[in-house]
Protein backbone atom coordinates (compact mmCIF):
# COMPACT_ATOMS: atom_id res chain seq x y z
CA MET A 1 0.07 -0.03 0.15
CA GLN A 2 1.25 3.49 -0.98
CA VAL A 3 0.54 6.85 -0.06
CA GLY A 4 -0.50 8.45 -2.87
CA VAL A 5 0.12 12.24 -3.70
CA ASP A 6 -2.24 13.94 -6.04
CA PRO A 7 -1.17 17.40 -7.63
CA PRO A 8 -3.26 20.06 -6.49
CA SER A 9 -5.77 21.61 -8.57
CA PRO A 10 -5.33 25.31 -9.76
CA GLY A 11 -7.45 27.40 -7.35
CA LYS A 12 -8.36 24.18 -4.90
CA PRO A 13 -7.02 23.98 -1.86
CA VAL A 14 -3.72 21.61 -1.28
CA ALA A 15 -4.87 18.77 0.95
CA THR A 16 -3.14 18.06 4.35
CA LEU A 17 -1.41 14.97 4.91
CA SER A 18 -4.10 13.87 7.28
CA ASP A 19 -6.85 14.47 4.87
CA ARG A 20 -4.78 12.59 1.90
CA ILE A 21 -4.25 9.55 4.32
CA ALA A 22 -7.52 9.10 5.79
CA PRO A 23 -9.08 6.54 2.71
CA GLN A 24 -6.06 4.85 3.16
CA CYS A 25 -6.94 4.15 6.83
CA LEU A 26 -10.29 3.29 6.24
CA VAL A 27 -9.08 0.52 3.63
CA PHE A 28 -6.65 -0.55 6.91
CA LEU A 29 -9.31 -0.54 9.25
CA GLN A 30 -11.47 -2.65 6.77
CA GLU A 31 -8.53 -5.09 6.13
CA VAL A 32 -7.60 -5.73 9.64
CA LEU A 33 -10.83 -5.70 11.69
CA GLY A 34 -13.34 -7.07 8.48
CA SER A 35 -13.26 -10.40 9.89
CA PHE A 36 -14.83 -9.13 13.10
CA HIS A 37 -17.93 -10.84 13.89
CA PRO A 38 -20.39 -10.10 14.92
CA ARG A 39 -19.03 -6.22 13.51
CA ASP A 40 -21.44 -4.15 15.32
CA PHE A 41 -19.37 -1.13 15.84
CA SER A 42 -18.56 1.81 13.50
CA PHE A 43 -15.74 4.19 12.85
CA ARG A 44 -16.01 7.94 12.13
CA LEU A 45 -11.99 9.30 11.07
CA TRP A 46 -10.99 13.09 11.64
CA ASP A 47 -11.91 14.28 8.32
CA GLY A 48 -15.57 13.01 8.90
CA SER A 49 -15.34 9.61 6.72
CA VAL A 50 -17.28 6.47 8.13
CA TRP A 51 -17.06 3.14 8.30
CA ASP A 52 -20.27 1.46 9.28
CA ALA A 53 -20.90 -1.60 10.92
CA GLU A 54 -22.01 -4.55 8.94
CA PRO A 55 -25.25 -4.68 7.30
CA GLY A 56 -28.01 -6.19 9.42
CA GLU A 57 -25.97 -5.20 12.75
CA PRO A 58 -27.01 -2.17 14.67
CA SER A 59 -24.37 0.00 15.91
CA ARG A 60 -23.31 -0.28 19.61
CA PHE A 61 -20.76 1.62 19.39
CA THR A 62 -18.91 4.39 17.61
CA MET A 63 -14.82 4.61 17.86
CA VAL A 64 -13.83 8.32 16.63
CA LEU A 65 -10.68 8.65 15.61
CA ARG A 66 -9.68 12.74 16.34
CA ASN A 67 -6.14 12.19 14.31
CA PRO A 68 -4.32 9.61 12.08
CA GLY A 69 -1.44 9.45 14.96
CA VAL A 70 -4.27 7.27 17.04
CA LEU A 71 -4.48 4.75 14.26
CA ARG A 72 -0.63 3.99 14.69
CA THR A 73 -1.45 3.75 18.78
CA MET A 74 -4.18 1.24 17.99
CA PHE A 75 -1.92 -1.01 15.56
CA TRP A 76 1.60 -1.21 16.14
CA SER A 77 2.30 -1.66 19.17
CA PRO A 78 -0.89 -1.66 20.99
CA SER A 79 -1.41 -1.53 24.74
CA GLU A 80 -3.84 -1.22 27.60
CA LEU A 81 -2.19 1.66 28.84
CA ALA A 82 -1.82 3.25 25.15
CA LEU A 83 -5.23 2.53 24.08
CA GLY A 84 -6.72 4.22 28.04
CA GLU A 85 -4.41 7.27 27.40
CA ALA A 86 -5.61 8.07 23.55
CA TYR A 87 -9.50 7.99 25.28
CA LEU A 88 -8.12 9.88 28.24
CA TYR A 89 -6.81 12.57 26.33
CA ASN A 90 -9.40 12.43 23.43
CA ASP A 91 -7.51 11.11 20.83
CA LEU A 92 -10.17 8.98 20.43
CA ASP A 93 -13.69 8.99 21.98
CA ILE A 94 -16.13 6.19 21.85
CA GLU A 95 -19.56 6.89 21.19
CA GLY A 96 -22.61 4.63 22.58
CA ASP A 97 -22.34 1.74 24.45
CA ILE A 98 -18.92 2.25 26.27
CA SER A 99 -18.75 -0.99 27.74
CA SER A 100 -19.59 -3.10 24.21
CA ALA A 101 -16.17 -1.15 23.11
CA PHE A 102 -13.87 -3.67 25.46
CA LEU A 103 -14.37 -6.67 23.38
CA LEU A 104 -12.54 -4.65 20.46
CA ALA A 105 -10.00 -3.21 22.72
CA ASP A 106 -8.90 -6.76 24.11
CA ARG A 107 -8.53 -8.17 20.32
CA LEU A 108 -6.74 -4.80 19.75
CA VAL A 109 -4.34 -5.43 22.64
CA HIS A 110 -3.86 -9.00 21.54
CA LEU A 111 -3.34 -8.29 17.84
CA ARG A 112 -0.01 -9.42 16.76
CA LEU A 113 0.43 -8.74 13.09
CA GLY A 114 2.71 -11.12 10.74
CA LEU A 115 5.68 -9.98 9.60
CA ALA A 116 4.34 -9.85 5.70
CA GLU A 117 0.96 -7.85 7.08
CA ARG A 118 3.52 -5.56 9.27
CA LEU A 119 5.51 -5.20 6.19
CA ARG A 120 2.43 -4.53 4.03
CA PHE A 121 1.24 -1.79 6.73
CA ALA A 122 4.20 -0.42 7.82
CA ARG A 123 4.50 2.72 5.26
CA LEU A 124 1.09 3.86 6.29
CA LEU A 125 1.40 3.49 10.05
CA LEU A 126 4.91 4.76 9.93
CA ALA A 127 4.03 7.66 8.64
CA LEU A 128 1.79 8.48 11.06
CA PRO A 129 2.54 10.50 14.55
CA SER A 130 4.72 8.11 17.18
CA SER A 131 2.23 6.77 19.73
CA GLY A 132 2.38 6.40 23.36
CA ARG A 133 1.98 9.75 24.01
CA HIS A 134 1.01 11.19 27.53
CA TRP A 135 0.50 14.36 29.15
CA GLY A 136 2.19 15.16 32.43
CA ALA A 137 3.35 12.41 35.52
CA ARG A 138 0.94 9.33 35.52
CA PRO A 139 0.23 9.11 39.53
CA THR A 140 2.60 6.04 39.79
CA GLU A 141 5.06 8.38 39.01
CA ARG A 142 4.27 10.31 41.91
CA LEU A 143 4.64 8.05 44.73
CA ARG A 144 7.22 7.93 47.26
CA GLY A 145 8.73 5.43 49.58
CA PRO A 146 8.94 1.62 49.69
CA LEU A 147 5.86 -0.42 48.13
CA HIS A 148 3.38 -0.84 50.30
CA SER A 149 4.73 1.12 53.37
CA MET A 150 2.61 3.28 55.35
CA GLY A 151 3.50 6.45 53.72
CA ARG A 152 2.78 5.08 50.39
CA ASP A 153 -0.02 3.53 50.70
CA ARG A 154 -1.46 6.29 52.28
CA GLN A 155 -0.63 8.57 49.15
CA ALA A 156 -1.99 6.07 46.92
CA VAL A 157 -5.20 5.71 48.78
CA THR A 158 -5.88 9.38 49.12
CA TYR A 159 -5.13 10.01 45.20
CA HIS A 160 -8.14 7.49 44.63
CA TYR A 161 -10.33 8.51 47.31
CA ASP A 162 -9.78 12.53 48.40
CA MET A 163 -10.97 13.43 45.02
CA SER A 164 -14.16 14.85 45.85
CA ASN A 165 -17.15 13.41 47.77
CA ALA A 166 -19.26 15.38 45.62
CA PHE A 167 -18.20 13.51 42.75
CA TYR A 168 -18.69 10.27 44.00
CA SER A 169 -22.20 11.05 45.28
CA LEU A 170 -23.24 11.86 41.36
CA TRP A 171 -22.85 7.95 40.61
CA LEU A 172 -22.52 5.60 43.82
CA ASP A 173 -26.41 4.57 45.59
CA GLU A 174 -27.57 7.12 48.36
CA ARG A 175 -25.30 5.33 50.86
CA MET A 176 -21.86 6.23 48.86
CA VAL A 177 -21.25 2.27 48.98
CA TYR A 178 -18.20 1.69 46.78
CA SER A 179 -18.21 -1.73 46.54
CA CYS A 180 -20.22 -4.55 44.58
CA ALA A 181 -24.11 -4.46 45.43
CA TYR A 182 -26.06 -7.80 46.17
CA PHE A 183 -28.97 -8.73 43.68
CA THR A 184 -31.75 -10.61 43.87
CA ASP A 185 -32.95 -9.85 40.19
CA PRO A 186 -31.13 -8.04 37.14
CA GLY A 187 -33.83 -5.25 37.68
CA ASP A 188 -32.88 -4.13 41.05
CA ASN A 189 -32.22 -0.63 41.36
CA LEU A 190 -29.09 0.37 42.90
CA ASP A 191 -29.94 1.68 46.28
CA THR A 192 -31.75 -1.68 47.25
CA ALA A 193 -28.95 -3.86 45.79
CA GLN A 194 -26.70 -1.76 48.04
CA GLU A 195 -28.81 -1.79 51.48
CA ARG A 196 -29.41 -5.70 50.78
CA LYS A 197 -25.35 -6.55 50.32
CA LEU A 198 -24.90 -4.58 53.93
CA ASP A 199 -27.56 -6.32 55.31
CA TYR A 200 -25.95 -9.54 54.11
CA LEU A 201 -22.83 -8.89 55.24
CA CYS A 202 -24.37 -8.21 58.54
CA ARG A 203 -25.71 -11.81 58.81
CA LYS A 204 -22.85 -13.55 56.97
CA LEU A 205 -20.80 -12.15 60.62
CA ARG A 206 -24.15 -12.81 62.66
CA LEU A 207 -23.75 -9.69 64.17
CA GLN A 208 -25.46 -9.45 68.02
CA ARG A 209 -26.05 -6.60 70.13
CA GLY A 210 -23.38 -5.08 72.17
CA GLU A 211 -20.57 -6.81 69.88
CA ARG A 212 -17.49 -4.66 68.79
CA VAL A 213 -17.22 -4.48 65.13
CA LEU A 214 -14.24 -3.13 63.02
CA ASP A 215 -14.37 -2.27 59.37
CA ILE A 216 -11.17 -2.24 57.90
CA GLY A 217 -11.58 0.51 54.89
CA CYS A 218 -14.78 1.63 55.77
CA GLY A 219 -15.50 4.20 52.94
CA TRP A 220 -18.08 6.62 53.47
CA GLY A 221 -19.73 4.59 56.53
CA GLY A 222 -22.12 2.89 54.93
CA LEU A 223 -21.70 -0.61 56.53
CA VAL A 224 -20.74 0.73 60.25
CA ILE A 225 -24.12 3.00 60.33
CA HIS A 226 -26.17 0.25 58.88
CA ALA A 227 -24.73 -2.19 61.65
CA ALA A 228 -25.01 0.32 64.54
CA LYS A 229 -28.68 1.26 63.48
CA ASN A 230 -29.89 -2.34 62.46
CA TYR A 231 -28.08 -4.82 64.68
CA GLY A 232 -27.01 -2.54 68.04
CA VAL A 233 -23.35 -3.26 67.61
CA GLN A 234 -20.37 -1.04 68.55
CA ALA A 235 -19.05 -0.47 65.31
CA HIS A 236 -15.71 1.25 64.54
CA GLY A 237 -14.54 2.27 61.15
CA ILE A 238 -10.72 3.15 59.70
CA THR A 239 -10.35 4.50 56.65
CA LEU A 240 -7.01 6.24 55.08
CA SER A 241 -9.13 9.23 53.69
CA ARG A 242 -9.74 12.45 55.35
CA PRO A 243 -12.93 13.55 53.52
CA GLN A 244 -14.60 10.00 53.69
CA ALA A 245 -13.98 9.96 57.07
CA ASP A 246 -15.48 13.49 57.70
CA LEU A 247 -18.02 12.89 55.84
CA ALA A 248 -19.13 9.51 57.59
CA ASN A 249 -19.01 11.07 60.72
CA GLU A 250 -21.11 13.48 59.81
CA ARG A 251 -23.79 10.82 58.55
CA ILE A 252 -23.46 9.12 62.25
CA ARG A 253 -24.12 12.32 63.93
CA LEU A 254 -27.05 13.28 61.96
CA ALA A 255 -28.14 9.39 62.32
CA GLY A 256 -27.74 9.53 66.16
CA LEU A 257 -25.49 6.90 66.07
CA SER A 258 -22.30 8.95 67.80
CA ASP A 259 -22.61 6.87 70.82
CA ARG A 260 -22.42 3.42 68.87
CA CYS A 261 -19.92 4.13 66.14
CA ARG A 262 -17.32 6.13 64.33
CA VAL A 263 -14.76 6.28 61.70
CA ASP A 264 -11.23 6.89 62.28
CA VAL A 265 -8.19 8.19 59.71
CA ARG A 266 -6.44 5.32 60.51
CA ASP A 267 -3.95 2.73 58.66
CA TYR A 268 -4.82 -0.91 59.85
CA ARG A 269 -1.22 -1.28 60.83
CA GLU A 270 -1.98 1.37 63.54
CA ILE A 271 -4.71 -0.59 65.19
CA HIS A 272 -2.96 -2.26 68.29
CA ALA A 273 -5.99 -3.63 70.37
CA PRO A 274 -5.46 -7.45 71.39
CA GLU A 275 -8.71 -9.43 71.08
CA SER A 276 -10.94 -6.38 71.80
CA TYR A 277 -13.32 -7.14 68.36
CA ASP A 278 -15.85 -9.68 68.37
CA LYS A 279 -16.24 -9.62 64.25
CA LEU A 280 -14.18 -7.73 62.05
CA VAL A 281 -14.67 -7.04 58.39
CA SER A 282 -13.06 -5.54 55.08
CA VAL A 283 -14.85 -4.74 52.10
CA GLY A 284 -13.32 -3.72 49.16
CA MET A 285 -10.05 -2.52 50.83
CA PHE A 286 -8.07 -5.71 50.29
CA GLU A 287 -6.92 -4.83 46.70
CA HIS A 288 -4.32 -2.11 48.31
CA VAL A 289 -3.09 -4.75 50.68
CA GLY A 290 -0.47 -6.14 48.00
CA GLU A 291 1.00 -9.75 48.23
CA SER A 292 4.13 -8.66 50.29
CA ARG A 293 1.78 -7.65 52.98
CA LEU A 294 -0.63 -10.42 53.08
CA GLN A 295 0.76 -12.19 56.14
CA GLU A 296 1.02 -8.90 58.03
CA TYR A 297 -2.70 -8.01 57.06
CA PHE A 298 -3.97 -11.45 58.08
CA ARG A 299 -1.87 -11.82 61.29
CA GLY A 300 -2.93 -8.37 62.21
CA ALA A 301 -6.51 -9.25 62.01
CA SER A 302 -6.08 -12.64 64.03
CA ARG A 303 -4.70 -10.13 66.73
CA LEU A 304 -7.24 -7.84 66.95
CA LEU A 305 -10.13 -10.88 66.58
CA ARG A 306 -11.13 -12.36 69.87
CA PRO A 307 -10.91 -16.25 70.15
CA GLY A 308 -14.54 -17.58 68.14
CA GLY A 309 -14.36 -14.49 66.47
CA VAL A 310 -14.90 -14.29 62.55
CA PHE A 311 -13.47 -11.98 59.79
CA LEU A 312 -15.32 -11.16 56.43
CA ASN A 313 -12.80 -10.62 53.78
CA HIS A 314 -14.44 -9.16 50.56
CA GLY A 315 -11.76 -8.25 47.87
CA ILE A 316 -11.50 -8.47 44.39
CA ALA A 317 -9.34 -11.49 42.45
CA CYS A 318 -7.58 -12.26 39.46
CA ASN A 319 -8.52 -14.93 37.50
CA PRO A 320 -4.98 -17.25 36.78
CA GLY A 321 -6.45 -18.65 34.25
CA PHE A 322 -6.57 -15.76 31.82
CA PRO A 323 -3.06 -14.72 29.90
CA PRO A 324 -1.85 -11.89 31.20
CA VAL A 325 -2.43 -8.64 29.13
CA PRO A 326 0.55 -7.14 27.35
CA GLY A 327 1.81 -4.18 28.75
CA PRO A 328 1.15 -2.37 31.79
CA SER A 329 -2.35 -1.73 33.05
CA PHE A 330 -4.09 1.60 32.76
CA SER A 331 -6.22 1.08 35.82
CA ASP A 332 -2.53 0.51 37.64
CA HIS A 333 -1.33 3.94 36.66
CA TYR A 334 -4.59 5.98 36.50
CA ILE A 335 -6.84 4.67 39.04
CA PHE A 336 -5.52 2.22 41.53
CA PRO A 337 -2.17 3.07 41.82
CA ASP A 338 -0.01 0.25 43.65
CA GLY A 339 -3.26 -1.89 43.80
CA GLU A 340 -2.60 -5.34 43.22
CA LEU A 341 -5.23 -8.49 42.53
CA LEU A 342 -4.25 -11.61 43.44
CA PRO A 343 -5.48 -15.07 42.51
CA LEU A 344 -8.05 -16.60 45.32
CA GLY A 345 -5.81 -19.61 45.87
CA THR A 346 -3.04 -16.83 47.05
CA THR A 347 -5.44 -15.59 49.71
CA LEU A 348 -6.53 -18.29 51.11
CA ARG A 349 -3.33 -19.99 51.75
CA VAL A 350 -2.20 -16.91 53.52
CA ALA A 351 -4.92 -16.89 55.63
CA GLU A 352 -5.07 -19.97 56.82
CA ALA A 353 -1.08 -19.97 57.20
CA SER A 354 -1.65 -17.04 59.74
CA GLY A 355 -4.33 -18.95 61.59
CA PHE A 356 -7.49 -18.50 60.63
CA GLU A 357 -9.88 -21.25 59.08
CA VAL A 358 -11.70 -20.85 55.94
CA ARG A 359 -15.34 -21.18 56.53
CA ASP A 360 -17.15 -20.16 53.62
CA VAL A 361 -16.34 -18.47 50.21
CA GLU A 362 -18.82 -17.52 47.72
CA SER A 363 -18.06 -15.24 44.03
CA LEU A 364 -20.38 -12.79 43.27
CA ARG A 365 -19.04 -11.96 39.99
CA GLU A 366 -22.30 -11.40 38.31
CA HIS A 367 -23.34 -9.16 40.99
CA TYR A 368 -20.72 -6.94 40.13
CA VAL A 369 -21.06 -6.58 36.47
CA LEU A 370 -24.49 -5.35 37.19
CA THR A 371 -23.24 -3.18 39.94
CA LEU A 372 -20.60 -1.58 37.59
CA ARG A 373 -23.41 -0.95 34.92
CA HIS A 374 -25.08 0.74 37.17
CA TRP A 375 -22.45 3.01 37.94
CA VAL A 376 -21.39 3.46 34.52
CA GLN A 377 -25.17 4.55 33.56
CA ARG A 378 -25.10 7.03 36.09
CA LEU A 379 -22.04 8.72 35.71
CA GLU A 380 -22.92 9.24 31.93
CA ALA A 381 -26.25 10.34 32.93
CA ARG A 382 -24.73 13.15 35.13
CA ARG A 383 -22.07 14.46 32.91
CA GLU A 384 -22.22 17.62 33.17
CA GLU A 385 -22.29 17.78 36.59
CA ALA A 386 -19.37 15.37 36.96
CA CYS A 387 -17.47 17.79 34.79
CA GLY A 388 -18.37 20.74 37.20
CA VAL A 389 -17.03 19.04 40.26
CA THR A 390 -14.13 18.01 38.68
CA ASP A 391 -13.10 18.37 35.40
CA GLU A 392 -13.50 16.66 31.43
CA LYS A 393 -10.48 14.44 32.36
CA THR A 394 -11.59 12.85 35.21
CA TYR A 395 -15.25 12.41 33.87
CA ARG A 396 -13.56 10.25 31.21
CA LEU A 397 -11.19 8.77 33.39
CA TRP A 398 -14.23 7.19 35.76
CA ARG A 399 -16.18 6.22 32.35
CA LEU A 400 -13.65 4.46 31.11
CA TYR A 401 -12.23 2.51 34.18
CA LEU A 402 -15.87 1.69 35.31
CA ALA A 403 -17.10 0.39 32.00
CA GLY A 404 -13.67 -1.36 31.55
CA ALA A 405 -14.15 -3.13 34.71
CA ALA A 406 -17.23 -4.43 33.90
CA HIS A 407 -16.13 -5.93 30.82
CA LYS A 408 -13.31 -7.65 33.15
CA PHE A 409 -15.72 -9.63 35.53
CA ARG A 410 -18.52 -10.37 32.95
CA MET A 411 -15.48 -12.22 30.82
CA GLY A 412 -14.46 -13.83 33.92
CA GLN A 413 -10.92 -11.78 33.96
CA ASN A 414 -11.31 -10.62 37.30
CA SER A 415 -14.24 -11.57 40.31
CA VAL A 416 -15.26 -10.70 43.31
CA TYR A 417 -15.43 -13.03 46.42
CA GLN A 418 -16.43 -12.70 50.28
CA VAL A 419 -14.33 -15.12 52.87
CA LEU A 420 -15.42 -15.80 55.83
CA LEU A 421 -12.67 -16.75 58.30
CA SER A 422 -12.93 -17.86 61.86
CA LYS A 423 -10.30 -17.79 64.93
CA THR A 424 -11.18 -21.15 66.34
CA PHE A 425 -10.99 -21.48 70.22
CA ASP A 426 -9.89 -24.96 71.32
CA GLY A 427 -11.35 -26.51 67.66
CA GLU A 428 -14.72 -24.89 68.28
CA SER A 429 -15.69 -22.28 65.96
CA GLY A 430 -18.96 -21.48 67.30
CA LEU A 431 -21.04 -21.46 64.29
CA PRO A 432 -24.14 -23.01 63.24
CA LEU A 433 -24.12 -26.41 60.91
CA THR A 434 -26.08 -24.56 58.05
CA ARG A 435 -26.08 -20.98 56.33
CA GLY A 436 -29.91 -20.90 56.62
CA ASP A 437 -29.73 -17.66 58.86
CA TRP A 438 -27.66 -16.11 56.30
CA TYR A 439 -31.04 -15.98 54.32
CA ALA A 440 -33.55 -15.67 56.79
CA GLY A 441 -33.90 -11.92 56.16
CA GLY A 442 -34.77 -12.60 52.43
CA GLY A 443 -33.11 -9.88 51.56
CA HIS A 444 -35.01 -7.31 54.78
CA PHE A 445 -33.90 -5.72 57.19
CA ASN A 446 -33.47 -7.85 60.67
CA SER A 447 -33.02 -5.12 63.37
CA PRO A 448 -32.71 -6.62 66.82
CA GLU A 449 -34.85 -3.41 68.06
CA GLU A 450 -37.87 -4.66 65.94
């Protein structure tokens, strides 16, 4: 394929390189992606030219290429990070159902052109601007200190959670629960599913009036408030985010629960209160611990828990059966710096080596797909407000991240597990023979005051 240049006609504007090359770029897309089936997507180039979805297939999304350079990013040495940055900085855009675009993104990331194809298309691709552009330091490049030290973890966590309470409130549920909800039907609304999840956690822990409960990584306090209000426990939550803690404690005050729960800004490694808690729970914080700190995490939890107590650990895990994605992860650089997703087997092995007995493991993978879809839809519906409290880049960043996460859970690349761990006493777990009481509430409140 050659890049032809026709001589300009008298009085006719001279076409730019990007204008002249657009038709060849369309041909390139058709040859490389023409076998994709179902091809239920469209491309629109910087000059307005369009390659429509295949006949009979409705276009679920349109990939908009803002300049010819993004084509080289997509096809010369594609990576998740390069594609993500191209979207983040508006070199490319996705109109329509962004979640559907990730099947195409997967194909691009794993696309490896043969030598003949590379030679065939090299002249076109190499004539385009260089790939891999980004502006400014990536978040991971700003972190200082040893990996997973308390100081560095605080930097990483506050980068993610301190952005804006107002931003998160636009697309989370009314309690601002930033973790997988629990659905009994795909049509459940998000507020109902999150309320049901909080109650399900309390029933799995078998909370009793007067018990002391520690929530490690409590976010905006949804679970500690629910547990104190509906189960009469003394609930203590910890987070590394000051804005989260401030809002959580204000909500606690407004609910009249200041005598029964509180939230502190504290690292889990700073809690020194041996055997002072009856129950422990951690929901959506585990991804920040890191494999090098797993033993410290579980041994610390065991020290805090009284004999006969239980620890419910809810966290995302990777599926080791999936081949690793080539190149660096966009999420690692821009969403969760220093975050680590580990195989479930690794987590269970270290938990058992730290003195816990594994009593129950439940996957909620499909529930997270539904949760993330809700979050994407709610964020997109409030785009203008989101850009107003942050900026356009932040909106694009979270839209891409949430949609990409939904895709990874849908495909089974990631899952989320609730693991119930028991600190047995002389071989006695103190647990009933069945899980019947977990489901007795039927998804409704089980208040000890009723």
